[in-house]
């Protein structure tokens, strides 16, 4: 097959662990709920072969188009591409009468999204304060900062970013927006640094890191989407376990990669619950993490945690 080479800088995380945990076989149906640049999808597509089926979801139409072309070039499979959130996974698969054998959700974002200054997800360059994963719809981060009360801003930054100076930052936002709109990444980053005061010099990470993460999660309702997705996985797995119609097969392997504690707690809670009800067989009690070799090659994998499970009885029946 002709290879479609991804841009430098984007490396899919925990590739070996993903392949180990979901064990792709020839002819299976694979659903990549967050296709990104297609790194995981291409590797899995090559293993399920031309007789397999690949379904790709992504909010970013540019990445979805790229991932689709990459999967086709590297595996010969023409994937089914769905421009939208993985919250529609049950509806989309049921509409096509598909039953998944492999389900993967990588909750991180592609490097090109972080590196593109026009996305406004990074404070490394001055850019519009956008942060939307799907730039065609929804409120920008700038609009969110303009609309929310000081109390709501503090709650978002504290809860979603686990930021200890959330109240100070929220107050600074309200004070600044009373004088001028907060429309750029530099404005927000400088504001957070001011809120930190002298502690900014001793912070092990840039002071704005947690605030930017919290706003990105809020703008895209990432935790709400994850909650809805996990609920759909739970319903589908239960139906498959009981022999009822489902968009997942009995024996399907499900893997989710989270990047911060809020995500991982939600995934762990759902997986453990399904395991206690004998619907899931867990792939280990602890999440899989990057090896030292991977961390050296791809520092962005340092916070990645993979949890995986198989739909079926704990005794393997």
C-alpha atoms as a PDB file:
ATOM      1  CA  UNK A   1       0.000   0.000   0.000  1.00  0.00           C
ATOM      2  CA  UNK A   2       1.048   3.620  -0.531  1.00  0.00           C
ATOM      3  CA  UNK A   3       1.942   5.246   2.780  1.00  0.00           C
ATOM      4  CA  UNK A   4       0.483   8.612   3.720  1.00  0.00           C
ATOM      5  CA  UNK A   5       3.109  10.088   6.002  1.00  0.00           C
ATOM      6  CA  UNK A   6       1.782  12.112   8.961  1.00  0.00           C
ATOM      7  CA  UNK A   7       3.279  15.470   9.816  1.00  0.00           C
ATOM      8  CA  UNK A   8       6.275  15.442  12.145  1.00  0.00           C
ATOM      9  CA  UNK A   9       5.371  15.730  15.800  1.00  0.00           C
ATOM     10  CA  UNK A  10       2.203  13.636  15.948  1.00  0.00           C
ATOM     11  CA  UNK A  11       2.799  10.204  17.434  1.00  0.00           C
ATOM     12  CA  UNK A  12      -0.146   8.058  18.606  1.00  0.00           C
ATOM     13  CA  UNK A  13       0.272   7.196  22.275  1.00  0.00           C
ATOM     14  CA  UNK A  14       0.421   3.723  23.819  1.00  0.00           C
ATOM     15  CA  UNK A  15       0.315   1.984  20.440  1.00  0.00           C
ATOM     16  CA  UNK A  16       1.769  -1.310  21.699  1.00  0.00           C
ATOM     17  CA  UNK A  17      -0.591  -1.348  24.672  1.00  0.00           C
ATOM     18  CA  UNK A  18      -3.608  -0.622  22.452  1.00  0.00           C
ATOM     19  CA  UNK A  19      -2.778  -3.491  20.092  1.00  0.00           C
ATOM     20  CA  UNK A  20      -2.098  -5.807  23.027  1.00  0.00           C
ATOM     21  CA  UNK A  21      -5.371  -4.992  24.758  1.00  0.00           C
ATOM     22  CA  UNK A  22      -7.831  -5.049  21.844  1.00  0.00           C
ATOM     23  CA  UNK A  23      -6.166  -7.905  19.892  1.00  0.00           C
ATOM     24  CA  UNK A  24      -7.356  -7.151  16.322  1.00  0.00           C
ATOM     25  CA  UNK A  25      -8.279 -10.139  14.157  1.00  0.00           C
ATOM     26  CA  UNK A  26      -8.905 -10.485  10.438  1.00  0.00           C
ATOM     27  CA  UNK A  27     -12.351  -9.378   9.283  1.00  0.00           C
ATOM     28  CA  UNK A  28     -13.434  -7.621  12.477  1.00  0.00           C
ATOM     29  CA  UNK A  29     -15.360  -4.362  12.824  1.00  0.00           C
ATOM     30  CA  UNK A  30     -13.270  -1.597  14.388  1.00  0.00           C
ATOM     31  CA  UNK A  31     -14.699   1.689  15.689  1.00  0.00           C
ATOM     32  CA  UNK A  32     -12.247   4.512  16.363  1.00  0.00           C
ATOM     33  CA  UNK A  33     -14.281   7.035  18.316  1.00  0.00           C
ATOM     34  CA  UNK A  34     -11.633   9.765  18.097  1.00  0.00           C
ATOM     35  CA  UNK A  35      -9.758   9.225  14.853  1.00  0.00           C
ATOM     36  CA  UNK A  36      -7.371  12.188  15.095  1.00  0.00           C
ATOM     37  CA  UNK A  37      -4.607  11.744  12.514  1.00  0.00           C
ATOM     38  CA  UNK A  38      -5.377   8.053  12.067  1.00  0.00           C
ATOM     39  CA  UNK A  39      -2.313   6.561  13.741  1.00  0.00           C
ATOM     40  CA  UNK A  40      -4.120   3.972  15.844  1.00  0.00           C
ATOM     41  CA  UNK A  41      -6.746   3.382  13.158  1.00  0.00           C
ATOM     42  CA  UNK A  42      -4.194   2.626  10.439  1.00  0.00           C
ATOM     43  CA  UNK A  43      -2.286   0.146  12.602  1.00  0.00           C
ATOM     44  CA  UNK A  44      -5.469  -1.683  13.552  1.00  0.00           C
ATOM     45  CA  UNK A  45      -6.874  -1.564  10.007  1.00  0.00           C
ATOM     46  CA  UNK A  46      -3.759  -3.296   8.685  1.00  0.00           C
ATOM     47  CA  UNK A  47      -4.363  -6.116  11.176  1.00  0.00           C
ATOM     48  CA  UNK A  48      -8.056  -6.650  10.429  1.00  0.00           C
ATOM     49  CA  UNK A  49      -7.309  -6.613   6.699  1.00  0.00           C
ATOM     50  CA  UNK A  50      -9.414  -5.738   3.644  1.00  0.00           C
ATOM     51  CA  UNK A  51     -12.271  -7.942   4.866  1.00  0.00           C
ATOM     52  CA  UNK A  52     -12.556  -5.811   8.010  1.00  0.00           C
ATOM     53  CA  UNK A  53     -14.632  -2.690   8.572  1.00  0.00           C
ATOM     54  CA  UNK A  54     -13.353   0.598   9.998  1.00  0.00           C
ATOM     55  CA  UNK A  55     -15.616   3.334  11.346  1.00  0.00           C
ATOM     56  CA  UNK A  56     -13.995   6.669  12.198  1.00  0.00           C
ATOM     57  CA  UNK A  57     -15.494   9.457  14.322  1.00  0.00           C
ATOM     58  CA  UNK A  58     -14.015  12.910  14.803  1.00  0.00           C
ATOM     59  CA  UNK A  59     -15.273  16.421  15.534  1.00  0.00           C
ATOM     60  CA  UNK A  60     -12.484  17.891  13.420  1.00  0.00           C
ATOM     61  CA  UNK A  61     -13.389  17.429   9.747  1.00  0.00           C
ATOM     62  CA  UNK A  62      -9.814  18.154   8.627  1.00  0.00           C
ATOM     63  CA  UNK A  63      -8.417  15.384  10.815  1.00  0.00           C
ATOM     64  CA  UNK A  64     -11.255  13.027   9.873  1.00  0.00           C
ATOM     65  CA  UNK A  65     -10.504  13.511   6.174  1.00  0.00           C
ATOM     66  CA  UNK A  66      -6.789  12.957   6.748  1.00  0.00           C
ATOM     67  CA  UNK A  67      -7.335   9.865   8.914  1.00  0.00           C
ATOM     68  CA  UNK A  68      -9.707   8.356   6.346  1.00  0.00           C
ATOM     69  CA  UNK A  69      -7.196   8.832   3.536  1.00  0.00           C
ATOM     70  CA  UNK A  70      -4.410   7.408   5.693  1.00  0.00           C
ATOM     71  CA  UNK A  71      -6.385   4.287   6.629  1.00  0.00           C
ATOM     72  CA  UNK A  72      -7.253   3.638   2.981  1.00  0.00           C
ATOM     73  CA  UNK A  73      -3.665   4.212   1.814  1.00  0.00           C
ATOM     74  CA  UNK A  74      -2.091   1.988   4.451  1.00  0.00           C
ATOM     75  CA  UNK A  75      -4.636  -0.842   4.679  1.00  0.00           C
ATOM     76  CA  UNK A  76      -6.773  -0.815   1.545  1.00  0.00           C
ATOM     77  CA  UNK A  77      -9.912  -0.359   3.636  1.00  0.00           C
ATOM     78  CA  UNK A  78     -12.211   2.541   2.743  1.00  0.00           C
ATOM     79  CA  UNK A  79     -13.450   3.593   6.185  1.00  0.00           C
ATOM     80  CA  UNK A  80     -16.874   4.879   7.130  1.00  0.00           C
ATOM     81  CA  UNK A  81     -16.201   8.455   8.256  1.00  0.00           C
ATOM     82  CA  UNK A  82     -18.581  10.177  10.668  1.00  0.00           C
ATOM     83  CA  UNK A  83     -18.057  13.890  11.255  1.00  0.00           C
ATOM     84  CA  UNK A  84     -19.320  14.219  14.786  1.00  0.00           C
ATOM     85  CA  UNK A  85     -18.920  13.314  18.408  1.00  0.00           C
ATOM     86  CA  UNK A  86     -18.596   9.769  19.668  1.00  0.00           C
ATOM     87  CA  UNK A  87     -21.798  10.456  21.582  1.00  0.00           C
ATOM     88  CA  UNK A  88     -23.570   9.378  18.375  1.00  0.00           C
ATOM     89  CA  UNK A  89     -21.800   6.003  18.201  1.00  0.00           C
ATOM     90  CA  UNK A  90     -24.843   3.878  19.015  1.00  0.00           C
ATOM     91  CA  UNK A  91     -27.085   5.718  16.546  1.00  0.00           C
ATOM     92  CA  UNK A  92     -24.531   5.635  13.727  1.00  0.00           C
ATOM     93  CA  UNK A  93     -23.670   1.950  14.089  1.00  0.00           C
ATOM     94  CA  UNK A  94     -27.267   0.854  14.515  1.00  0.00           C
ATOM     95  CA  UNK A  95     -28.260   2.840  11.407  1.00  0.00           C
ATOM     96  CA  UNK A  96     -25.690   0.808   9.450  1.00  0.00           C
ATOM     97  CA  UNK A  97     -26.540  -2.514  11.125  1.00  0.00           C
ATOM     98  CA  UNK A  98     -22.954  -2.824  12.352  1.00  0.00           C
ATOM     99  CA  UNK A  99     -21.749  -4.638  15.456  1.00  0.00           C
ATOM    100  CA  UNK A 100     -18.360  -3.605  16.777  1.00  0.00           C
ATOM    101  CA  UNK A 101     -15.649  -6.083  17.740  1.00  0.00           C
ATOM    102  CA  UNK A 102     -13.114  -3.375  18.638  1.00  0.00           C
ATOM    103  CA  UNK A 103     -13.814   0.035  20.166  1.00  0.00           C
ATOM    104  CA  UNK A 104     -11.138   2.629  20.881  1.00  0.00           C
ATOM    105  CA  UNK A 105     -11.439   6.150  22.278  1.00  0.00           C
ATOM    106  CA  UNK A 106      -8.267   8.229  22.640  1.00  0.00           C
ATOM    107  CA  UNK A 107      -9.424  11.242  24.657  1.00  0.00           C
ATOM    108  CA  UNK A 108      -6.400  13.344  23.835  1.00  0.00           C
ATOM    109  CA  UNK A 109      -6.259  15.808  20.961  1.00  0.00           C
ATOM    110  CA  UNK A 110      -4.054  15.629  17.895  1.00  0.00           C
ATOM    111  CA  UNK A 111      -0.798  17.522  17.978  1.00  0.00           C
ATOM    112  CA  UNK A 112      -1.802  19.574  14.942  1.00  0.00           C
ATOM    113  CA  UNK A 113      -4.737  20.964  16.939  1.00  0.00           C
ATOM    114  CA  UNK A 114      -2.463  22.075  19.751  1.00  0.00           C
ATOM    115  CA  UNK A 115       0.186  23.393  17.384  1.00  0.00           C
ATOM    116  CA  UNK A 116      -2.203  25.372  15.159  1.00  0.00           C
ATOM    117  CA  UNK A 117      -2.242  28.868  16.702  1.00  0.00           C
ATOM    118  CA  UNK A 118      -5.653  29.651  15.172  1.00  0.00           C
ATOM    119  CA  UNK A 119      -7.212  26.988  17.402  1.00  0.00           C
ATOM    120  CA  UNK A 120      -6.269  29.000  20.482  1.00  0.00           C
ATOM    121  CA  UNK A 121      -5.525  25.941  22.594  1.00  0.00           C
ATOM    122  CA  UNK A 122      -1.949  26.914  23.364  1.00  0.00           C
ATOM    123  CA  UNK A 123      -0.361  29.968  24.941  1.00  0.00           C
ATOM    124  CA  UNK A 124       2.890  29.484  23.030  1.00  0.00           C
ATOM    125  CA  UNK A 125       1.750  31.993  20.390  1.00  0.00           C
ATOM    126  CA  UNK A 126      -0.670  34.906  20.418  1.00  0.00           C
ATOM    127  CA  UNK A 127      -3.888  33.766  18.737  1.00  0.00           C
ATOM    128  CA  UNK A 128      -7.682  34.073  18.908  1.00  0.00           C
ATOM    129  CA  UNK A 129      -9.072  32.442  22.038  1.00  0.00           C
ATOM    130  CA  UNK A 130     -11.147  29.740  20.338  1.00  0.00           C
ATOM    131  CA  UNK A 131     -10.432  26.196  21.658  1.00  0.00           C
ATOM    132  CA  UNK A 132     -13.262  24.459  19.771  1.00  0.00           C
ATOM    133  CA  UNK A 133     -12.483  20.972  18.467  1.00  0.00           C
ATOM    134  CA  UNK A 134     -15.147  21.555  15.813  1.00  0.00           C
ATOM    135  CA  UNK A 135     -14.598  25.157  14.685  1.00  0.00           C
ATOM    136  CA  UNK A 136     -17.889  25.139  12.781  1.00  0.00           C
ATOM    137  CA  UNK A 137     -20.157  25.213  15.803  1.00  0.00           C
ATOM    138  CA  UNK A 138     -20.496  26.156  19.460  1.00  0.00           C
ATOM    139  CA  UNK A 139     -19.153  28.928  21.662  1.00  0.00           C
ATOM    140  CA  UNK A 140     -15.503  29.927  21.674  1.00  0.00           C
ATOM    141  CA  UNK A 141     -13.496  30.243  24.862  1.00  0.00           C
ATOM    142  CA  UNK A 142     -13.579  34.024  24.449  1.00  0.00           C
ATOM    143  CA  UNK A 143     -17.379  33.946  24.387  1.00  0.00           C
ATOM    144  CA  UNK A 144     -17.409  31.699  27.442  1.00  0.00           C
ATOM    145  CA  UNK A 145     -15.187  34.123  29.366  1.00  0.00           C
ATOM    146  CA  UNK A 146     -17.476  36.986  28.407  1.00  0.00           C
ATOM    147  CA  UNK A 147     -20.686  35.194  29.421  1.00  0.00           C
ATOM    148  CA  UNK A 148     -19.986  33.330  32.660  1.00  0.00           C
ATOM    149  CA  UNK A 149     -20.178  34.788  36.145  1.00  0.00           C
ATOM    150  CA  UNK A 150     -17.120  35.011  38.361  1.00  0.00           C
ATOM    151  CA  UNK A 151     -18.436  32.145  40.461  1.00  0.00           C
ATOM    152  CA  UNK A 152     -19.044  29.901  37.440  1.00  0.00           C
ATOM    153  CA  UNK A 153     -15.614  30.692  36.037  1.00  0.00           C
ATOM    154  CA  UNK A 154     -13.978  29.812  39.350  1.00  0.00           C
ATOM    155  CA  UNK A 155     -15.869  26.503  39.497  1.00  0.00           C
ATOM    156  CA  UNK A 156     -14.890  25.541  35.949  1.00  0.00           C
ATOM    157  CA  UNK A 157     -11.226  26.389  36.445  1.00  0.00           C
ATOM    158  CA  UNK A 158     -11.089  24.660  39.824  1.00  0.00           C
ATOM    159  CA  UNK A 159     -13.084  21.536  38.951  1.00  0.00           C
ATOM    160  CA  UNK A 160     -11.966  20.912  35.377  1.00  0.00           C
ATOM    161  CA  UNK A 161      -8.430  22.235  35.707  1.00  0.00           C
ATOM    162  CA  UNK A 162      -7.852  21.336  39.363  1.00  0.00           C
ATOM    163  CA  UNK A 163      -6.338  24.803  39.633  1.00  0.00           C
ATOM    164  CA  UNK A 164      -5.577  25.943  43.220  1.00  0.00           C
ATOM    165  CA  UNK A 165      -5.736  29.653  42.254  1.00  0.00           C
ATOM    166  CA  UNK A 166      -9.073  29.382  40.443  1.00  0.00           C
ATOM    167  CA  UNK A 167     -10.782  32.115  42.461  1.00  0.00           C
ATOM    168  CA  UNK A 168      -7.989  34.603  41.886  1.00  0.00           C
ATOM    169  CA  UNK A 169      -7.961  33.825  38.180  1.00  0.00           C
ATOM    170  CA  UNK A 170     -11.737  34.198  37.889  1.00  0.00           C
ATOM    171  CA  UNK A 171     -11.561  37.560  39.655  1.00  0.00           C
ATOM    172  CA  UNK A 172      -8.818  38.727  37.280  1.00  0.00           C
ATOM    173  CA  UNK A 173     -10.925  37.662  34.288  1.00  0.00           C
ATOM    174  CA  UNK A 174     -13.934  39.630  35.521  1.00  0.00           C
ATOM    175  CA  UNK A 175     -11.808  42.685  36.271  1.00  0.00           C
ATOM    176  CA  UNK A 176     -10.127  42.669  32.863  1.00  0.00           C
ATOM    177  CA  UNK A 177     -13.260  42.002  30.810  1.00  0.00           C
ATOM    178  CA  UNK A 178     -14.910  45.034  32.445  1.00  0.00           C
ATOM    179  CA  UNK A 179     -12.254  47.137  30.678  1.00  0.00           C
ATOM    180  CA  UNK A 180     -11.642  45.190  27.473  1.00  0.00           C
ATOM    181  CA  UNK A 181     -12.738  41.932  25.811  1.00  0.00           C
ATOM    182  CA  UNK A 182     -10.478  38.928  26.428  1.00  0.00           C
ATOM    183  CA  UNK A 183     -10.033  37.645  22.903  1.00  0.00           C
ATOM    184  CA  UNK A 184      -6.471  36.319  22.711  1.00  0.00           C
ATOM    185  CA  UNK A 185      -4.426  33.516  24.208  1.00  0.00           C
ATOM    186  CA  UNK A 186      -1.744  35.956  25.309  1.00  0.00           C
ATOM    187  CA  UNK A 187      -4.245  38.071  27.236  1.00  0.00           C
ATOM    188  CA  UNK A 188      -5.462  35.045  29.140  1.00  0.00           C
ATOM    189  CA  UNK A 189      -2.003  33.612  29.791  1.00  0.00           C
ATOM    190  CA  UNK A 190      -0.705  36.964  31.072  1.00  0.00           C
ATOM    191  CA  UNK A 191      -3.777  37.356  33.261  1.00  0.00           C
ATOM    192  CA  UNK A 192      -3.236  33.951  34.866  1.00  0.00           C
ATOM    193  CA  UNK A 193       0.432  34.717  35.458  1.00  0.00           C
ATOM    194  CA  UNK A 194      -0.596  37.918  37.254  1.00  0.00           C
ATOM    195  CA  UNK A 195      -3.040  35.959  39.399  1.00  0.00           C
ATOM    196  CA  UNK A 196      -0.222  33.607  40.413  1.00  0.00           C
ATOM    197  CA  UNK A 197       1.966  36.530  41.460  1.00  0.00           C
ATOM    198  CA  UNK A 198       5.411  35.542  42.730  1.00  0.00           C
ATOM    199  CA  UNK A 199       4.432  31.850  42.644  1.00  0.00           C
ATOM    200  CA  UNK A 200       4.594  31.975  38.845  1.00  0.00           C
ATOM    201  CA  UNK A 201       8.389  31.930  39.049  1.00  0.00           C
ATOM    202  CA  UNK A 202       8.474  28.671  41.019  1.00  0.00           C
ATOM    203  CA  UNK A 203       5.621  26.839  39.268  1.00  0.00           C
ATOM    204  CA  UNK A 204       6.858  23.594  37.662  1.00  0.00           C
ATOM    205  CA  UNK A 205       4.529  24.194  34.699  1.00  0.00           C
ATOM    206  CA  UNK A 206       3.351  27.363  32.994  1.00  0.00           C
ATOM    207  CA  UNK A 207       0.775  28.973  35.309  1.00  0.00           C
ATOM    208  CA  UNK A 208      -1.840  29.059  32.530  1.00  0.00           C
ATOM    209  CA  UNK A 209      -1.678  25.315  31.774  1.00  0.00           C
ATOM    210  CA  UNK A 210      -4.544  24.237  34.029  1.00  0.00           C
ATOM    211  CA  UNK A 211      -6.756  27.190  33.112  1.00  0.00           C
ATOM    212  CA  UNK A 212      -6.364  26.536  29.385  1.00  0.00           C
ATOM    213  CA  UNK A 213      -7.155  22.854  29.918  1.00  0.00           C
ATOM    214  CA  UNK A 214     -10.244  23.658  31.981  1.00  0.00           C
ATOM    215  CA  UNK A 215     -11.597  26.072  29.391  1.00  0.00           C
ATOM    216  CA  UNK A 216     -10.947  23.633  26.538  1.00  0.00           C
ATOM    217  CA  UNK A 217     -12.841  20.916  28.420  1.00  0.00           C
ATOM    218  CA  UNK A 218     -15.716  23.318  29.099  1.00  0.00           C
ATOM    219  CA  UNK A 219     -15.877  24.720  25.561  1.00  0.00           C
ATOM    220  CA  UNK A 220     -16.125  21.217  24.084  1.00  0.00           C
ATOM    221  CA  UNK A 221     -18.145  19.679  26.948  1.00  0.00           C
ATOM    222  CA  UNK A 222     -15.583  16.892  26.960  1.00  0.00           C
ATOM    223  CA  UNK A 223     -16.668  15.299  30.235  1.00  0.00           C
ATOM    224  CA  UNK A 224     -20.342  15.418  29.254  1.00  0.00           C
ATOM    225  CA  UNK A 225     -19.488  13.717  25.963  1.00  0.00           C
ATOM    226  CA  UNK A 226     -17.387  11.089  27.738  1.00  0.00           C
ATOM    227  CA  UNK A 227     -20.176  10.406  30.208  1.00  0.00           C
ATOM    228  CA  UNK A 228     -22.678   9.903  27.373  1.00  0.00           C
ATOM    229  CA  UNK A 229     -20.258   7.663  25.472  1.00  0.00           C
ATOM    230  CA  UNK A 230     -19.546   5.479  28.512  1.00  0.00           C
ATOM    231  CA  UNK A 231     -23.275   5.124  29.163  1.00  0.00           C
ATOM    232  CA  UNK A 232     -23.772   3.928  25.576  1.00  0.00           C
ATOM    233  CA  UNK A 233     -20.913   1.466  25.935  1.00  0.00           C
ATOM    234  CA  UNK A 234     -22.463   0.156  29.140  1.00  0.00           C
ATOM    235  CA  UNK A 235     -25.896  -0.307  27.576  1.00  0.00           C
ATOM    236  CA  UNK A 236     -24.462  -1.951  24.458  1.00  0.00           C
ATOM    237  CA  UNK A 237     -22.215  -4.288  26.464  1.00  0.00           C
ATOM    238  CA  UNK A 238     -25.105  -5.328  28.708  1.00  0.00           C
ATOM    239  CA  UNK A 239     -27.305  -6.075  25.707  1.00  0.00           C
ATOM    240  CA  UNK A 240     -24.545  -8.080  24.036  1.00  0.00           C
ATOM    241  CA  UNK A 241     -23.954  -9.982  27.278  1.00  0.00           C
ATOM    242  CA  UNK A 242     -27.670 -10.817  27.464  1.00  0.00           C
ATOM    243  CA  UNK A 243     -27.874 -11.829  23.811  1.00  0.00           C
ATOM    244  CA  UNK A 244     -30.060  -8.855  22.861  1.00  0.00           C
ATOM    245  CA  UNK A 245     -29.580  -6.706  19.734  1.00  0.00           C
ATOM    246  CA  UNK A 246     -26.631  -4.385  20.252  1.00  0.00           C
ATOM    247  CA  UNK A 247     -24.071  -2.347  18.328  1.00  0.00           C
ATOM    248  CA  UNK A 248     -21.358  -4.374  20.116  1.00  0.00           C
ATOM    249  CA  UNK A 249     -20.648  -8.073  19.883  1.00  0.00           C
ATOM    250  CA  UNK A 250     -20.169 -10.403  22.799  1.00  0.00           C
ATOM    251  CA  UNK A 251     -16.396 -10.625  23.128  1.00  0.00           C
ATOM    252  CA  UNK A 252     -15.864  -7.077  21.862  1.00  0.00           C
ATOM    253  CA  UNK A 253     -12.758  -5.363  23.205  1.00  0.00           C
ATOM    254  CA  UNK A 254     -13.074  -1.783  24.441  1.00  0.00           C
ATOM    255  CA  UNK A 255     -10.142   0.532  25.177  1.00  0.00           C
ATOM    256  CA  UNK A 256     -10.149   4.131  26.400  1.00  0.00           C
ATOM    257  CA  UNK A 257      -7.090   6.368  26.761  1.00  0.00           C
ATOM    258  CA  UNK A 258      -7.483   9.240  29.231  1.00  0.00           C
ATOM    259  CA  UNK A 259      -5.078  12.066  29.944  1.00  0.00           C
ATOM    260  CA  UNK A 260      -6.174  13.564  33.245  1.00  0.00           C
ATOM    261  CA  UNK A 261      -7.654  12.348  36.484  1.00  0.00           C
ATOM    262  CA  UNK A 262     -11.235  13.433  35.805  1.00  0.00           C
ATOM    263  CA  UNK A 263     -11.399  11.359  32.628  1.00  0.00           C
ATOM    264  CA  UNK A 264      -9.640   8.374  34.133  1.00  0.00           C
ATOM    265  CA  UNK A 265     -11.919   8.332  37.185  1.00  0.00           C
ATOM    266  CA  UNK A 266     -15.008   8.265  34.963  1.00  0.00           C
ATOM    267  CA  UNK A 267     -13.632   5.449  32.809  1.00  0.00           C
ATOM    268  CA  UNK A 268     -12.473   3.438  35.819  1.00  0.00           C
ATOM    269  CA  UNK A 269     -15.848   3.807  37.553  1.00  0.00           C
ATOM    270  CA  UNK A 270     -17.782   2.563  34.518  1.00  0.00           C
ATOM    271  CA  UNK A 271     -15.405  -0.302  33.764  1.00  0.00           C
ATOM    272  CA  UNK A 272     -15.338  -1.486  37.374  1.00  0.00           C
ATOM    273  CA  UNK A 273     -19.130  -1.300  37.596  1.00  0.00           C
ATOM    274  CA  UNK A 274     -19.540  -3.400  34.450  1.00  0.00           C
ATOM    275  CA  UNK A 275     -16.935  -5.841  35.764  1.00  0.00           C
ATOM    276  CA  UNK A 276     -18.746  -6.238  39.078  1.00  0.00           C
ATOM    277  CA  UNK A 277     -21.897  -7.050  37.110  1.00  0.00           C
ATOM    278  CA  UNK A 278     -19.917  -9.697  35.141  1.00  0.00           C
ATOM    279  CA  UNK A 279     -20.435  -7.799  31.871  1.00  0.00           C
ATOM    280  CA  UNK A 280     -16.775  -6.761  31.464  1.00  0.00           C
ATOM    281  CA  UNK A 281     -13.541  -8.697  31.930  1.00  0.00           C
ATOM    282  CA  UNK A 282     -10.922  -6.099  32.784  1.00  0.00           C
ATOM    283  CA  UNK A 283      -7.451  -6.092  31.251  1.00  0.00           C
ATOM    284  CA  UNK A 284      -5.714  -5.696  34.605  1.00  0.00           C
ATOM    285  CA  UNK A 285      -6.695  -3.715  37.679  1.00  0.00           C
ATOM    286  CA  UNK A 286      -4.345  -0.826  36.935  1.00  0.00           C
ATOM    287  CA  UNK A 287      -4.260   1.280  33.773  1.00  0.00           C
ATOM    288  CA  UNK A 288      -1.532   0.733  31.198  1.00  0.00           C
ATOM    289  CA  UNK A 289       0.945   3.599  30.879  1.00  0.00           C
ATOM    290  CA  UNK A 290       3.824   4.545  28.594  1.00  0.00           C
ATOM    291  CA  UNK A 291       7.157   2.785  28.851  1.00  0.00           C
ATOM    292  CA  UNK A 292      10.358   4.702  29.503  1.00  0.00           C
ATOM    293  CA  UNK A 293      11.281   4.259  25.847  1.00  0.00           C
ATOM    294  CA  UNK A 294       7.992   5.751  24.671  1.00  0.00           C
ATOM    295  CA  UNK A 295       8.286   8.669  27.077  1.00  0.00           C
ATOM    296  CA  UNK A 296      11.733   9.423  25.707  1.00  0.00           C
ATOM    297  CA  UNK A 297      10.386   9.415  22.155  1.00  0.00           C
ATOM    298  CA  UNK A 298       7.046  11.100  22.899  1.00  0.00           C
ATOM    299  CA  UNK A 299       6.842  13.168  26.119  1.00  0.00           C
ATOM    300  CA  UNK A 300       3.148  13.866  25.432  1.00  0.00           C
ATOM    301  CA  UNK A 301       2.427  10.273  26.464  1.00  0.00           C
ATOM    302  CA  UNK A 302       3.450  10.930  30.061  1.00  0.00           C
ATOM    303  CA  UNK A 303      -0.093  11.440  31.346  1.00  0.00           C
ATOM    304  CA  UNK A 304      -1.799   8.839  29.121  1.00  0.00           C
ATOM    305  CA  UNK A 305      -3.623   5.985  30.874  1.00  0.00           C
ATOM    306  CA  UNK A 306      -5.214   3.120  28.985  1.00  0.00           C
ATOM    307  CA  UNK A 307      -8.032   1.054  30.454  1.00  0.00           C
ATOM    308  CA  UNK A 308      -9.345  -1.901  28.494  1.00  0.00           C
ATOM    309  CA  UNK A 309     -11.930  -4.627  28.881  1.00  0.00           C
ATOM    310  CA  UNK A 310     -13.693  -7.424  27.010  1.00  0.00           C
ATOM    311  CA  UNK A 311     -17.461  -7.847  26.855  1.00  0.00           C
ATOM    312  CA  UNK A 312     -18.189 -11.203  28.450  1.00  0.00           C
ATOM    313  CA  UNK A 313     -18.194 -13.221  31.611  1.00  0.00           C
ATOM    314  CA  UNK A 314     -15.237 -13.071  34.044  1.00  0.00           C
ATOM    315  CA  UNK A 315     -14.802 -16.832  33.591  1.00  0.00           C
ATOM    316  CA  UNK A 316     -14.400 -16.324  29.840  1.00  0.00           C
ATOM    317  CA  UNK A 317     -17.691 -17.970  28.876  1.00  0.00           C
END
